[in-house]
Amino acid sequence: MRTFAWFSLPTLLALNKVPNYWTGKIAEDERVVFFPTTASKVNSTHWEVPIHGWIFEPETESKKRKALINILGKMFQLKDAEEKKFLNQRIRPFTVDNKSMKYVNIKIGDSIHRMPRSLKDGHFRTNFTLHESHLNSENGTVPFKVVGQDRSFQGTVHLVPPEGISIVSDIDDTVKITNYLDKKEFYKNTFLKEFQAVPGMAQYFHKCKSQYENCCFHFVSASPYQLFEQLSDFFQLEGFPLATFHLKRIRVKDKTLLQLFADPQDYKIRQIEPLLKTFPNRKFIFIGDSGEKDPEIYTELFQKYPSQIDKVLIRNVNNATAARMSGIHHDKWQYFNDGT
């Protein structure tokens, strides 16, 4: 017991009741989801590699989830079984049982790494530095997987070169039709209907990928990570290029839930600015919409990083005037209706 002298006996007994605590093994009814992240070059031979994951139990038979579905169904005035099906799918990730104090081991390239223990919201994050010879890159991405488990959990890291073009894009009403300004339609499009792409945007992204050398894509949105899997499936179905995701991290059981309704300006700047600082020699194209504060967010960033931001493209969803873009030189921004 000398190794564990710093633990009290009650603490040891409590930890022994946590199935994963000593072994790192994920229970049969639990899942691990990894979010695509952005790796950056440290020097000529090494990469800084971030890993971000989420451990949870889906609880498909949860009574709380069923009660919530019933309440929301009455609130949204569901019309048919199709709407109820989508509501079930969209709400499910918000009602999972997040697993804290758990960890996994992943194999990336030729090496195995232990992840930090998950926090209350089930999330864990870490960074480590790897030699590029240890990374098995596939078209600019590095796949990795959990080891020591009976099931397969996989993730992807994007290797973003020091130079090139980065497309930083919003999601709602920029590449996905949401109608945020009409709250009734917003809730329907978010929870009750099949996601719909803004026409031509996937094609525009691919045009950028073929036109620009070392072109990488980053989705920065105020949507929560609970919608990541459904958004990722949607983008894949619509043919968008692979991208990193920078979403809101919330937990339904505590005050972080209020972040869903917070002003997106400060949040988005805190997500985008590290990309600008990490990649000072890359050029950036910002894509957003006029429904919320993308023009103001991008203007603020443009004024701080004018040499890095090549252009700002705003989907005009509410007849916005040029006044909203007054802080950016006229040849650096443009309004558009769709990607065609």
Protein backbone atom coordinates (compact mmCIF):
# COMPACT_ATOMS: atom_id res chain seq x y z
CA MET A 1 0.00 0.00 0.00
CA ARG A 2 3.02 2.28 0.19
CA THR A 3 2.47 3.34 -3.44
CA PHE A 4 -0.98 4.66 -2.57
CA ALA A 5 -0.12 6.19 0.80
CA TRP A 6 -1.43 9.56 -0.30
CA PHE A 7 -4.92 8.08 -0.80
CA SER A 8 -7.22 7.68 2.20
CA LEU A 9 -8.88 4.27 2.62
CA PRO A 10 -12.39 5.65 1.84
CA THR A 11 -11.01 7.24 -1.31
CA LEU A 12 -9.44 3.96 -2.44
CA LEU A 13 -12.69 2.10 -1.82
CA ALA A 14 -14.61 4.71 -3.78
CA LEU A 15 -12.17 4.57 -6.69
CA ASN A 16 -12.44 0.79 -6.81
CA LYS A 17 -16.13 1.24 -7.61
CA VAL A 18 -15.26 3.20 -10.76
CA PRO A 19 -14.95 0.41 -13.38
CA ASN A 20 -12.48 2.30 -15.55
CA TYR A 21 -10.38 4.04 -12.90
CA TRP A 22 -7.38 1.70 -12.74
CA THR A 23 -7.53 -0.02 -16.14
CA GLY A 24 -8.74 2.69 -18.54
CA LYS A 25 -11.27 0.23 -19.98
CA ILE A 26 -14.49 1.71 -21.35
CA ALA A 27 -17.68 -0.09 -20.33
CA GLU A 28 -19.67 -1.97 -22.97
CA ASP A 29 -22.47 0.61 -22.88
CA GLU A 30 -20.13 3.62 -23.20
CA ARG A 31 -18.75 5.40 -26.25
CA VAL A 32 -15.77 7.58 -27.13
CA VAL A 33 -16.12 10.31 -29.77
CA PHE A 34 -13.12 12.25 -31.07
CA PHE A 35 -13.37 15.69 -32.66
CA PRO A 36 -11.14 16.61 -35.65
CA THR A 37 -8.35 18.91 -34.48
CA THR A 38 -5.63 21.12 -35.98
CA ALA A 39 -1.95 20.09 -35.69
CA SER A 40 0.78 22.68 -36.24
CA LYS A 41 4.46 22.45 -37.12
CA VAL A 42 6.82 23.06 -34.16
CA ASN A 43 10.00 22.92 -36.21
CA SER A 44 11.27 21.25 -39.37
CA THR A 45 10.70 17.75 -38.00
CA HIS A 46 8.05 17.87 -35.25
CA TRP A 47 4.31 18.56 -34.98
CA GLU A 48 2.22 19.76 -32.05
CA VAL A 49 -0.71 17.33 -32.05
CA PRO A 50 -3.90 18.11 -30.08
CA ILE A 51 -6.41 15.39 -29.15
CA HIS A 52 -9.96 16.18 -28.04
CA GLY A 53 -12.47 13.48 -27.09
CA TRP A 54 -15.70 12.80 -25.22
CA ILE A 55 -16.62 9.73 -23.14
CA PHE A 56 -20.29 9.07 -22.41
CA GLU A 57 -23.01 6.47 -21.97
CA PRO A 58 -25.83 6.99 -24.52
CA GLU A 59 -28.63 5.86 -22.13
CA THR A 60 -31.03 5.14 -25.00
CA GLU A 61 -33.74 4.01 -22.58
CA SER A 62 -33.43 6.99 -20.27
CA LYS A 63 -36.72 8.02 -18.66
CA LYS A 64 -35.44 11.59 -18.43
CA ARG A 65 -34.78 11.65 -22.16
CA LYS A 66 -38.25 10.32 -22.94
CA ALA A 67 -39.80 12.93 -20.63
CA LEU A 68 -37.78 15.68 -22.30
CA ILE A 69 -38.83 14.46 -25.76
CA ASN A 70 -42.48 14.58 -24.68
CA ILE A 71 -42.13 18.11 -23.30
CA LEU A 72 -40.32 19.38 -26.40
CA GLY A 73 -42.78 17.56 -28.64
CA LYS A 74 -45.64 19.54 -27.12
CA MET A 75 -43.62 22.76 -27.24
CA PHE A 76 -42.73 22.28 -30.92
CA GLN A 77 -46.21 20.97 -31.78
CA LEU A 78 -44.94 17.91 -33.63
CA LYS A 79 -46.92 17.15 -36.77
CA ASP A 80 -45.91 13.60 -37.60
CA ALA A 81 -43.67 10.60 -36.88
CA GLU A 82 -40.93 12.05 -39.11
CA GLU A 83 -40.55 15.13 -36.91
CA LYS A 84 -40.54 12.95 -33.77
CA LYS A 85 -37.80 10.79 -35.30
CA PHE A 86 -35.57 13.81 -35.92
CA LEU A 87 -36.31 15.25 -32.48
CA ASN A 88 -35.20 11.96 -30.90
CA GLN A 89 -31.98 11.96 -32.92
CA ARG A 90 -31.09 15.59 -32.19
CA ILE A 91 -31.92 15.54 -28.46
CA ARG A 92 -30.23 12.22 -27.68
CA PRO A 93 -26.66 13.63 -27.38
CA PHE A 94 -27.90 16.22 -24.84
CA THR A 95 -29.26 13.53 -22.53
CA VAL A 96 -26.30 11.16 -22.39
CA ASP A 97 -24.55 10.29 -19.13
CA ASN A 98 -21.17 12.02 -19.37
CA LYS A 99 -18.41 9.92 -17.85
CA SER A 100 -15.80 11.65 -15.70
CA MET A 101 -12.50 10.34 -14.33
CA LYS A 102 -12.07 7.91 -17.24
CA TYR A 103 -9.28 7.64 -19.78
CA VAL A 104 -8.26 5.76 -22.90
CA ASN A 105 -5.01 4.93 -24.64
CA ILE A 106 -4.68 5.84 -28.30
CA LYS A 107 -2.31 4.71 -31.03
CA ILE A 108 -1.27 7.50 -33.37
CA GLY A 109 1.39 6.76 -35.92
CA ASP A 110 3.77 4.29 -34.34
CA SER A 111 3.29 5.32 -30.72
CA ILE A 112 0.74 4.76 -27.96
CA HIS A 113 -0.30 7.60 -25.66
CA ARG A 114 -2.43 7.68 -22.54
CA MET A 115 -5.08 10.40 -22.56
CA PRO A 116 -5.87 12.52 -19.47
CA ARG A 117 -8.89 11.59 -17.41
CA SER A 118 -12.21 12.98 -18.57
CA LEU A 119 -13.85 15.88 -16.74
CA LYS A 120 -17.45 16.26 -15.54
CA ASP A 121 -18.72 16.86 -19.06
CA GLY A 122 -16.95 13.71 -20.28
CA HIS A 123 -14.45 15.72 -22.35
CA PHE A 124 -10.68 15.35 -22.29
CA ARG A 125 -8.01 17.30 -24.15
CA THR A 126 -4.26 17.03 -24.47
CA ASN A 127 -1.36 18.04 -26.70
CA PHE A 128 1.83 16.20 -27.46
CA THR A 129 4.75 16.66 -29.82
CA LEU A 130 5.53 13.98 -32.38
CA HIS A 131 8.24 13.52 -34.97
CA GLU A 132 6.76 13.59 -38.47
CA SER A 133 8.32 10.20 -39.24
CA HIS A 134 6.02 8.72 -36.56
CA LEU A 135 2.90 10.09 -38.25
CA ASN A 136 1.25 8.07 -40.99
CA SER A 137 -0.30 10.96 -42.87
CA GLU A 138 -3.11 10.34 -45.36
CA ASN A 139 -3.79 13.39 -47.58
CA GLY A 140 -2.91 15.83 -44.82
CA THR A 141 -4.70 13.98 -42.03
CA VAL A 142 -3.47 11.52 -39.43
CA PRO A 143 -5.88 8.81 -38.25
CA PHE A 144 -5.63 7.37 -34.77
CA LYS A 145 -7.57 4.84 -32.72
CA VAL A 146 -8.21 3.70 -29.17
CA VAL A 147 -6.28 0.58 -28.18
CA GLY A 148 -7.00 -1.95 -25.46
CA GLN A 149 -10.75 -1.94 -26.07
CA ASP A 150 -13.04 -4.53 -27.61
CA ARG A 151 -14.66 -1.94 -29.89
CA SER A 152 -13.22 0.53 -32.39
CA PHE A 153 -13.09 4.25 -31.58
CA GLN A 154 -11.24 6.37 -34.13
CA GLY A 155 -10.31 9.99 -34.68
CA THR A 156 -8.47 12.31 -37.05
CA VAL A 157 -5.90 15.08 -36.71
CA HIS A 158 -5.41 17.57 -39.57
CA LEU A 159 -1.81 18.52 -40.33
CA VAL A 160 -1.97 22.21 -41.24
CA PRO A 161 1.24 23.45 -42.92
CA PRO A 162 2.76 26.78 -41.81
CA GLU A 163 1.87 28.37 -45.16
CA GLY A 164 -1.23 28.13 -47.31
CA ILE A 165 -4.89 29.14 -47.13
CA SER A 166 -7.26 28.47 -44.24
CA ILE A 167 -11.01 28.71 -44.80
CA VAL A 168 -12.71 29.59 -41.51
CA SER A 169 -16.45 29.13 -41.86
CA ASP A 170 -19.53 29.50 -39.73
CA ILE A 171 -22.16 26.73 -40.05
CA ASP A 172 -25.72 27.93 -39.43
CA ASP A 173 -27.08 30.02 -42.32
CA THR A 174 -23.63 30.03 -43.90
CA VAL A 175 -23.30 26.47 -45.20
CA LYS A 176 -26.42 24.96 -43.58
CA ILE A 177 -29.89 26.52 -43.89
CA THR A 178 -31.16 27.33 -40.38
CA ASN A 179 -33.18 30.58 -40.65
CA TYR A 180 -31.91 31.78 -37.29
CA LEU A 181 -33.80 35.08 -37.51
CA ASP A 182 -37.15 33.23 -37.57
CA LYS A 183 -37.11 31.42 -34.24
CA LYS A 184 -39.93 29.04 -35.17
CA GLU A 185 -38.13 28.00 -38.35
CA PHE A 186 -34.80 27.93 -36.50
CA TYR A 187 -36.04 25.31 -34.02
CA LYS A 188 -37.66 23.28 -36.79
CA ASN A 189 -34.53 23.27 -38.91
CA THR A 190 -32.36 22.41 -35.92
CA PHE A 191 -34.46 19.72 -34.25
CA LEU A 192 -37.32 18.55 -36.49
CA LYS A 193 -36.11 18.46 -40.09
CA GLU A 194 -33.41 16.99 -42.29
CA PHE A 195 -30.42 19.36 -42.43
CA GLN A 196 -30.22 21.30 -45.70
CA ALA A 197 -27.09 22.72 -47.30
CA VAL A 198 -26.88 26.22 -48.71
CA PRO A 199 -26.78 25.61 -52.50
CA GLY A 200 -23.33 25.59 -54.01
CA MET A 201 -21.32 25.89 -50.81
CA ALA A 202 -19.79 22.40 -50.96
CA GLN A 203 -18.77 23.08 -54.55
CA TYR A 204 -17.27 26.44 -53.55
CA PHE A 205 -15.23 24.76 -50.81
CA HIS A 206 -13.88 22.23 -53.31
CA LYS A 207 -13.07 25.06 -55.71
CA CYS A 208 -10.98 26.66 -52.97
CA LYS A 209 -9.27 23.35 -52.26
CA SER A 210 -8.23 22.97 -55.91
CA GLN A 211 -7.40 26.64 -56.39
CA TYR A 212 -5.24 27.25 -53.31
CA GLU A 213 -2.13 25.35 -52.25
CA ASN A 214 -2.29 23.77 -48.78
CA CYS A 215 -5.96 24.74 -48.37
CA CYS A 216 -7.45 23.69 -45.01
CA PHE A 217 -10.95 24.10 -43.58
CA HIS A 218 -12.14 24.97 -40.08
CA PHE A 219 -15.79 25.09 -38.96
CA VAL A 220 -16.21 27.57 -36.10
CA SER A 221 -19.75 27.68 -34.73
CA ALA A 222 -21.77 28.46 -31.62
CA SER A 223 -23.43 25.05 -32.02
CA PRO A 224 -22.58 22.64 -29.18
CA TYR A 225 -20.37 19.59 -29.50
CA GLN A 226 -23.48 17.47 -28.84
CA LEU A 227 -24.42 18.07 -32.50
CA PHE A 228 -20.98 17.20 -33.87
CA GLU A 229 -21.73 13.67 -35.10
CA GLN A 230 -24.90 14.70 -36.91
CA LEU A 231 -23.20 17.75 -38.43
CA SER A 232 -20.21 15.66 -39.49
CA ASP A 233 -22.48 13.08 -41.15
CA PHE A 234 -24.37 15.90 -42.89
CA PHE A 235 -21.20 17.49 -44.29
CA GLN A 236 -19.94 14.12 -45.49
CA LEU A 237 -23.27 13.38 -47.19
CA GLU A 238 -23.26 16.79 -48.89
CA GLY A 239 -19.69 16.33 -50.10
CA PHE A 240 -17.90 19.05 -48.11
CA PRO A 241 -14.13 18.66 -47.69
CA LEU A 242 -12.88 17.34 -44.36
CA ALA A 243 -12.52 20.07 -41.73
CA THR A 244 -11.65 20.67 -38.10
CA PHE A 245 -14.52 21.54 -35.74
CA HIS A 246 -14.51 24.30 -33.12
CA LEU A 247 -17.86 24.17 -31.29
CA LYS A 248 -19.28 25.14 -27.90
CA ARG A 249 -18.58 22.91 -24.95
CA ILE A 250 -21.66 22.76 -22.71
CA ARG A 251 -23.05 20.47 -20.02
CA VAL A 252 -26.83 20.33 -19.62
CA LYS A 253 -26.57 19.82 -15.85
CA ASP A 254 -24.72 23.04 -14.99
CA LYS A 255 -24.47 26.73 -15.85
CA THR A 256 -22.46 26.07 -19.02
CA LEU A 257 -25.85 25.37 -20.64
CA LEU A 258 -26.41 29.13 -20.58
CA GLN A 259 -23.51 29.49 -23.01
CA LEU A 260 -25.88 28.35 -25.75
CA PHE A 261 -27.66 31.68 -25.43
CA ALA A 262 -24.61 33.87 -24.86
CA ASP A 263 -23.38 36.51 -27.28
CA PRO A 264 -21.38 34.63 -29.95
CA GLN A 265 -18.93 37.46 -30.61
CA ASP A 266 -16.55 36.87 -27.70
CA TYR A 267 -16.79 33.10 -28.09
CA LYS A 268 -16.00 33.05 -31.80
CA ILE A 269 -13.09 35.46 -31.45
CA ARG A 270 -11.64 33.19 -28.75
CA GLN A 271 -11.90 30.25 -31.17
CA ILE A 272 -10.55 31.96 -34.29
CA GLU A 273 -7.75 34.09 -32.84
CA PRO A 274 -5.62 31.08 -31.79
CA LEU A 275 -5.67 29.91 -35.41
CA LEU A 276 -4.37 33.29 -36.55
CA LYS A 277 -1.65 33.28 -33.88
CA THR A 278 -0.64 29.66 -34.47
CA PHE A 279 -0.34 30.14 -38.24
CA PRO A 280 1.05 33.67 -38.77
CA ASN A 281 2.25 32.86 -42.30
CA ARG A 282 -1.06 31.47 -43.57
CA LYS A 283 -3.71 33.55 -45.32
CA PHE A 284 -7.28 33.31 -44.10
CA ILE A 285 -10.67 33.52 -45.80
CA PHE A 286 -13.56 34.09 -43.39
CA ILE A 287 -17.04 32.95 -44.41
CA GLY A 288 -20.16 33.78 -42.39
CA ASP A 289 -23.64 35.25 -42.57
CA SER A 290 -25.37 38.50 -41.65
CA GLY A 291 -27.99 36.85 -39.40
CA GLU A 292 -25.97 37.26 -36.21
CA LYS A 293 -22.62 38.95 -35.62
CA ASP A 294 -20.26 37.44 -38.16
CA PRO A 295 -19.69 40.82 -39.90
CA GLU A 296 -18.73 42.43 -36.57
CA ILE A 297 -16.62 39.45 -35.48
CA TYR A 298 -14.68 39.30 -38.73
CA THR A 299 -14.27 43.08 -38.81
CA GLU A 300 -12.75 43.07 -35.34
CA LEU A 301 -10.33 40.31 -36.32
CA PHE A 302 -9.49 41.99 -39.63
CA GLN A 303 -8.51 45.18 -37.85
CA LYS A 304 -6.12 43.21 -35.60
CA TYR A 305 -4.71 40.90 -38.31
CA PRO A 306 -5.11 42.79 -41.64
CA SER A 307 -2.14 41.16 -43.36
CA GLN A 308 -3.35 37.62 -42.63
CA ILE A 309 -7.01 37.93 -43.64
CA ASP A 310 -7.26 37.76 -47.41
CA LYS A 311 -11.03 38.20 -47.74
CA VAL A 312 -14.33 38.10 -45.85
CA LEU A 313 -17.42 36.57 -47.48
CA ILE A 314 -20.82 37.13 -45.86
CA ARG A 315 -24.06 35.40 -46.88
CA ASN A 316 -26.63 38.18 -46.75
CA VAL A 317 -29.76 36.72 -45.15
CA ASN A 318 -31.47 39.93 -43.97
CA ASN A 319 -30.72 42.63 -46.55
CA ALA A 320 -27.71 43.88 -44.61
CA THR A 321 -26.14 47.08 -45.88
CA ALA A 322 -22.50 47.84 -46.57
CA ALA A 323 -22.39 49.80 -43.31
CA ARG A 324 -21.91 46.58 -41.35
CA MET A 325 -18.63 45.99 -43.20
CA SER A 326 -17.34 49.55 -42.93
CA GLY A 327 -14.30 48.46 -40.89
CA ILE A 328 -12.91 46.40 -43.80
CA HIS A 329 -11.55 47.82 -47.06
CA HIS A 330 -14.16 47.44 -49.80
CA ASP A 331 -12.01 45.15 -51.96
CA LYS A 332 -11.55 42.70 -49.06
CA TRP A 333 -15.20 41.74 -48.43
CA GLN A 334 -18.25 40.62 -50.36
CA TYR A 335 -21.90 39.73 -49.73
CA PHE A 336 -23.32 36.61 -51.41
CA ASN A 337 -26.59 34.66 -51.53
CA ASP A 338 -25.30 31.12 -52.13
CA GLY A 339 -22.22 29.33 -53.37
CA THR A 340 -23.19 29.21 -57.04
